[in-house]
Amino acid sequence: MNNNAMTPVITIDGPTASGKGTIATQVAQKLGWQILDSGALYRLTALVVTRQEINEDDMAAVAQAARQLDVRFVDGCCLLASEDVTQALRAEEIGLLASKIAAYPAVRDALLARQRDFRQGAGLIADGRDMGTVVFPDAPLKIFLVADVQSRAQRRYKQLIDKGVSANLSDLLADLQARDLRDSSRAVAPLKAAPDAYTIDSSALSIDDTVAQVLQYWANLQN
């Protein structure tokens, strides 16, 4: 994939379970653009670390695993060396490990160029935690999507229950609070809104309303 600085990018950053992935997917569909789920790259790394029994505290070894990822996104699925690992990436333990290793500077460096390579075609919707601040600081539209932690815990709980996965709401709430603290306080690329980002609080908004708001911001830039 070739980097194309002329390709427009909309970044959607925000905390865990704020709805970034859902909103990014629908906005991409509406505009006919490519999509980058940056969090999936960290979860993929976490999956490889787990499967290969790499010491998760060995930053250099984890970074090496990140550099060697054989990954493609096809029709909403995430392929690791041609294996569809979309569902495996959604396991809570993989998400927790991904949050931990995402704080490693060497891992973030290993994945930075790969993320920028997704900038191609008609446009790119990039969702994550540092898309607007670090990966695509020149993006013409940056969204910072937030929701109160109780709403996010309820959403995650419903997602897991709907998939037939047992879940405890209190545990999910505690996990989200811990992730928020870790993501916002890490030394490298902490979770924060870019100075020129539009903040959308989706706590009381439907998915359609949130998507419409993002598209309206984009339409305003075209006038």
Protein backbone atom coordinates (compact mmCIF):
# COMPACT_ATOMS: atom_id res chain seq x y z
CA MET A 1 0.00 0.00 0.00
CA ASN A 2 1.27 3.45 -0.88
CA ASN A 3 0.90 6.49 1.26
CA ASN A 4 -1.09 9.24 -0.46
CA ALA A 5 -1.03 12.53 1.41
CA MET A 6 -3.82 13.86 -0.84
CA THR A 7 -6.27 11.20 0.30
CA PRO A 8 -8.71 12.77 2.80
CA VAL A 9 -8.92 11.26 6.26
CA ILE A 10 -11.58 11.47 8.96
CA THR A 11 -10.21 10.38 12.31
CA ILE A 12 -12.48 9.10 15.07
CA ASP A 13 -10.75 8.82 18.43
CA GLY A 14 -12.18 8.05 21.83
CA PRO A 15 -12.11 5.76 24.84
CA THR A 16 -12.92 2.05 24.89
CA ALA A 17 -16.56 1.18 24.04
CA SER A 18 -17.43 4.72 22.97
CA GLY A 19 -18.76 3.33 19.69
CA LYS A 20 -15.83 4.34 17.49
CA GLY A 21 -15.81 1.16 15.43
CA THR A 22 -19.54 1.16 14.71
CA ILE A 23 -19.57 4.84 13.78
CA ALA A 24 -16.43 4.57 11.67
CA THR A 25 -17.82 1.59 9.76
CA GLN A 26 -21.10 3.31 8.96
CA VAL A 27 -19.48 6.60 7.97
CA ALA A 28 -17.09 4.71 5.69
CA GLN A 29 -20.03 2.91 4.08
CA LYS A 30 -21.88 6.18 3.54
CA LEU A 31 -18.88 7.84 1.90
CA GLY A 32 -17.55 4.77 0.10
CA TRP A 33 -14.17 5.09 1.80
CA GLN A 34 -11.63 2.67 3.25
CA ILE A 35 -11.54 1.99 6.97
CA LEU A 36 -8.73 1.50 9.46
CA ASP A 37 -9.48 -0.09 12.81
CA SER A 38 -6.21 0.81 14.49
CA GLY A 39 -7.24 -0.93 17.68
CA ALA A 40 -7.41 -4.20 15.75
CA LEU A 41 -3.68 -3.95 15.05
CA TYR A 42 -2.95 -3.78 18.77
CA ARG A 43 -5.41 -6.60 19.47
CA LEU A 44 -3.78 -8.65 16.71
CA THR A 45 -0.43 -8.11 18.35
CA ALA A 46 -1.92 -9.17 21.68
CA LEU A 47 -3.39 -12.27 20.04
CA VAL A 48 -0.03 -13.23 18.55
CA VAL A 49 1.71 -12.61 21.89
CA THR A 50 -0.80 -14.91 23.57
CA ARG A 51 -0.68 -17.65 20.94
CA GLN A 52 3.10 -17.68 20.69
CA GLU A 53 3.49 -17.40 24.47
CA ILE A 54 5.67 -14.32 24.15
CA ASN A 55 6.48 -12.62 27.45
CA GLU A 56 4.06 -9.70 27.47
CA ASP A 57 6.52 -7.69 29.60
CA ASP A 58 9.28 -8.07 27.00
CA MET A 59 8.79 -4.84 25.05
CA ALA A 60 11.28 -5.70 22.31
CA ALA A 61 9.74 -9.12 21.67
CA VAL A 62 6.22 -7.68 21.57
CA ALA A 63 7.36 -4.95 19.15
CA GLN A 64 8.92 -7.59 16.91
CA ALA A 65 5.61 -9.45 16.83
CA ALA A 66 3.88 -6.20 15.84
CA ARG A 67 6.30 -5.59 12.97
CA GLN A 68 5.74 -9.09 11.59
CA LEU A 69 1.93 -9.02 11.53
CA ASP A 70 0.49 -10.42 8.30
CA VAL A 71 -2.85 -8.61 8.36
CA ARG A 72 -5.61 -7.66 5.95
CA PHE A 73 -9.07 -6.16 6.45
CA VAL A 74 -11.56 -7.69 4.02
CA ASP A 75 -15.34 -7.17 4.00
CA GLY A 76 -15.44 -6.24 7.66
CA CYS A 77 -13.26 -9.18 8.67
CA CYS A 78 -9.74 -9.14 10.05
CA LEU A 79 -7.44 -11.72 8.51
CA LEU A 80 -4.21 -12.81 10.17
CA ALA A 81 -2.15 -14.83 7.68
CA SER A 82 -5.44 -15.62 5.88
CA GLU A 83 -7.15 -16.80 9.10
CA ASP A 84 -10.31 -14.91 10.05
CA VAL A 85 -9.62 -13.83 13.62
CA THR A 86 -12.37 -11.19 13.85
CA GLN A 87 -14.16 -12.87 16.75
CA ALA A 88 -10.97 -13.90 18.55
CA LEU A 89 -9.95 -10.24 18.73
CA ARG A 90 -13.09 -9.35 20.68
CA ALA A 91 -12.19 -11.51 23.70
CA GLU A 92 -11.92 -9.36 26.82
CA GLU A 93 -8.51 -10.76 27.76
CA ILE A 94 -7.16 -9.79 24.34
CA GLY A 95 -8.54 -6.27 24.75
CA LEU A 96 -6.95 -5.93 28.16
CA LEU A 97 -3.56 -7.09 26.89
CA ALA A 98 -3.85 -4.80 23.85
CA SER A 99 -4.39 -1.83 26.14
CA LYS A 100 -1.27 -2.79 28.10
CA ILE A 101 1.06 -3.25 25.15
CA ALA A 102 -0.29 -0.13 23.41
CA ALA A 103 1.58 1.84 26.07
CA TYR A 104 4.91 0.44 24.83
CA PRO A 105 6.70 3.09 22.69
CA ALA A 106 8.43 0.40 20.60
CA VAL A 107 5.09 -1.21 19.73
CA ARG A 108 3.54 2.11 18.73
CA ASP A 109 6.57 2.88 16.55
CA ALA A 110 6.32 -0.54 14.92
CA LEU A 111 2.68 0.02 13.94
CA LEU A 112 2.82 3.71 12.97
CA ALA A 113 3.97 3.31 9.37
CA ARG A 114 1.61 0.40 8.84
CA GLN A 115 -1.35 2.50 9.93
CA ARG A 116 -0.37 5.35 7.61
CA ASP A 117 -0.18 2.90 4.70
CA PHE A 118 -3.96 2.53 4.89
CA ARG A 119 -4.30 6.09 3.55
CA GLN A 120 -5.32 5.35 -0.02
CA GLY A 121 -8.23 5.41 -2.44
CA ALA A 122 -11.10 7.88 -2.23
CA GLY A 123 -10.68 8.45 1.50
CA LEU A 124 -10.02 6.82 4.86
CA ILE A 125 -11.95 6.63 8.12
CA ALA A 126 -9.45 5.89 10.89
CA ASP A 127 -10.63 5.00 14.37
CA GLY A 128 -8.50 4.61 17.45
CA ARG A 129 -7.03 6.64 20.29
CA ASP A 130 -4.31 8.69 18.61
CA MET A 131 -5.44 8.87 14.99
CA GLY A 132 -5.94 12.64 15.06
CA THR A 133 -3.07 13.49 17.38
CA VAL A 134 -0.25 11.24 16.13
CA VAL A 135 -1.03 9.07 13.10
CA PHE A 136 -2.92 11.55 10.90
CA PRO A 137 -2.37 14.99 12.43
CA ASP A 138 -3.14 16.62 9.06
CA ALA A 139 -6.59 15.00 8.74
CA PRO A 140 -9.13 17.62 7.61
CA LEU A 141 -11.77 16.31 10.03
CA LYS A 142 -11.08 14.94 13.49
CA ILE A 143 -13.77 13.56 15.77
CA PHE A 144 -13.35 12.80 19.47
CA LEU A 145 -16.18 10.45 20.41
CA VAL A 146 -17.01 10.18 24.09
CA ALA A 147 -19.71 8.69 26.30
CA ASP A 148 -19.99 8.42 30.05
CA VAL A 149 -18.44 5.29 31.48
CA GLN A 150 -21.76 3.89 32.70
CA SER A 151 -23.22 4.08 29.17
CA ARG A 152 -20.13 2.44 27.73
CA ALA A 153 -20.22 -0.37 30.27
CA GLN A 154 -23.88 -1.01 29.46
CA ARG A 155 -23.10 -1.12 25.73
CA ARG A 156 -20.22 -3.54 26.22
CA TYR A 157 -22.35 -5.69 28.52
CA LYS A 158 -25.14 -5.88 25.91
CA GLN A 159 -22.64 -6.72 23.15
CA LEU A 160 -21.23 -9.62 25.15
CA ILE A 161 -24.61 -10.96 26.25
CA ASP A 162 -25.93 -10.77 22.67
CA LYS A 163 -22.95 -12.90 21.61
CA GLY A 164 -23.72 -15.45 24.30
CA VAL A 165 -20.71 -14.45 26.38
CA SER A 166 -21.23 -14.26 30.14
CA ALA A 167 -20.40 -10.85 31.59
CA ASN A 168 -20.55 -8.96 34.86
CA LEU A 169 -21.54 -5.31 34.59
CA SER A 170 -19.57 -4.25 37.69
CA ASP A 171 -16.43 -5.95 36.39
CA LEU A 172 -16.86 -4.32 32.97
CA LEU A 173 -17.27 -0.91 34.58
CA ALA A 174 -14.09 -1.39 36.61
CA ASP A 175 -12.19 -2.60 33.52
CA LEU A 176 -13.27 0.44 31.49
CA GLN A 177 -12.26 2.83 34.25
CA ALA A 178 -8.86 1.15 34.48
CA ARG A 179 -8.39 1.30 30.71
CA ASP A 180 -9.41 4.96 30.59
CA LEU A 181 -6.82 5.80 33.23
CA ARG A 182 -4.09 3.78 31.51
CA ASP A 183 -4.88 5.14 28.03
CA SER A 184 -5.08 8.78 29.12
CA SER A 185 -2.02 8.74 31.38
CA ARG A 186 0.50 6.80 29.28
CA ALA A 187 3.65 8.69 28.34
CA VAL A 188 3.43 7.98 24.61
CA ALA A 189 0.41 9.06 22.52
CA PRO A 190 -2.05 9.38 25.42
CA LEU A 191 -5.76 9.36 24.72
CA LYS A 192 -6.83 12.97 24.23
CA ALA A 193 -8.70 15.12 21.78
CA ALA A 194 -6.68 16.88 19.10
CA PRO A 195 -6.87 20.69 19.51
CA ASP A 196 -8.93 20.97 16.31
CA ALA A 197 -11.17 17.95 16.94
CA TYR A 198 -14.94 18.09 17.27
CA THR A 199 -16.10 16.32 20.43
CA ILE A 200 -19.33 14.33 20.16
CA ASP A 201 -20.90 12.91 23.33
CA SER A 202 -22.86 9.85 22.22
CA SER A 203 -24.18 8.95 25.68
CA ALA A 204 -27.72 9.91 24.71
CA LEU A 205 -27.39 9.69 20.92
CA SER A 206 -28.43 6.85 18.65
CA ILE A 207 -25.96 5.37 16.18
CA ASP A 208 -27.80 7.03 13.30
CA ASP A 209 -27.73 10.41 15.04
CA THR A 210 -24.00 10.13 15.71
CA VAL A 211 -23.24 9.10 12.13
CA ALA A 212 -25.37 12.00 10.85
CA GLN A 213 -23.40 14.43 13.03
CA VAL A 214 -20.06 13.23 11.64
CA LEU A 215 -21.35 13.44 8.06
CA GLN A 216 -22.67 16.95 8.71
CA TYR A 217 -19.26 18.09 9.94
CA TRP A 218 -17.72 16.65 6.77
CA ALA A 219 -20.34 18.28 4.52
CA ASN A 220 -19.69 21.63 6.20
CA LEU A 221 -16.02 21.38 5.25
CA GLN A 222 -16.95 20.89 1.60
CA ASN A 223 -18.89 24.18 1.42
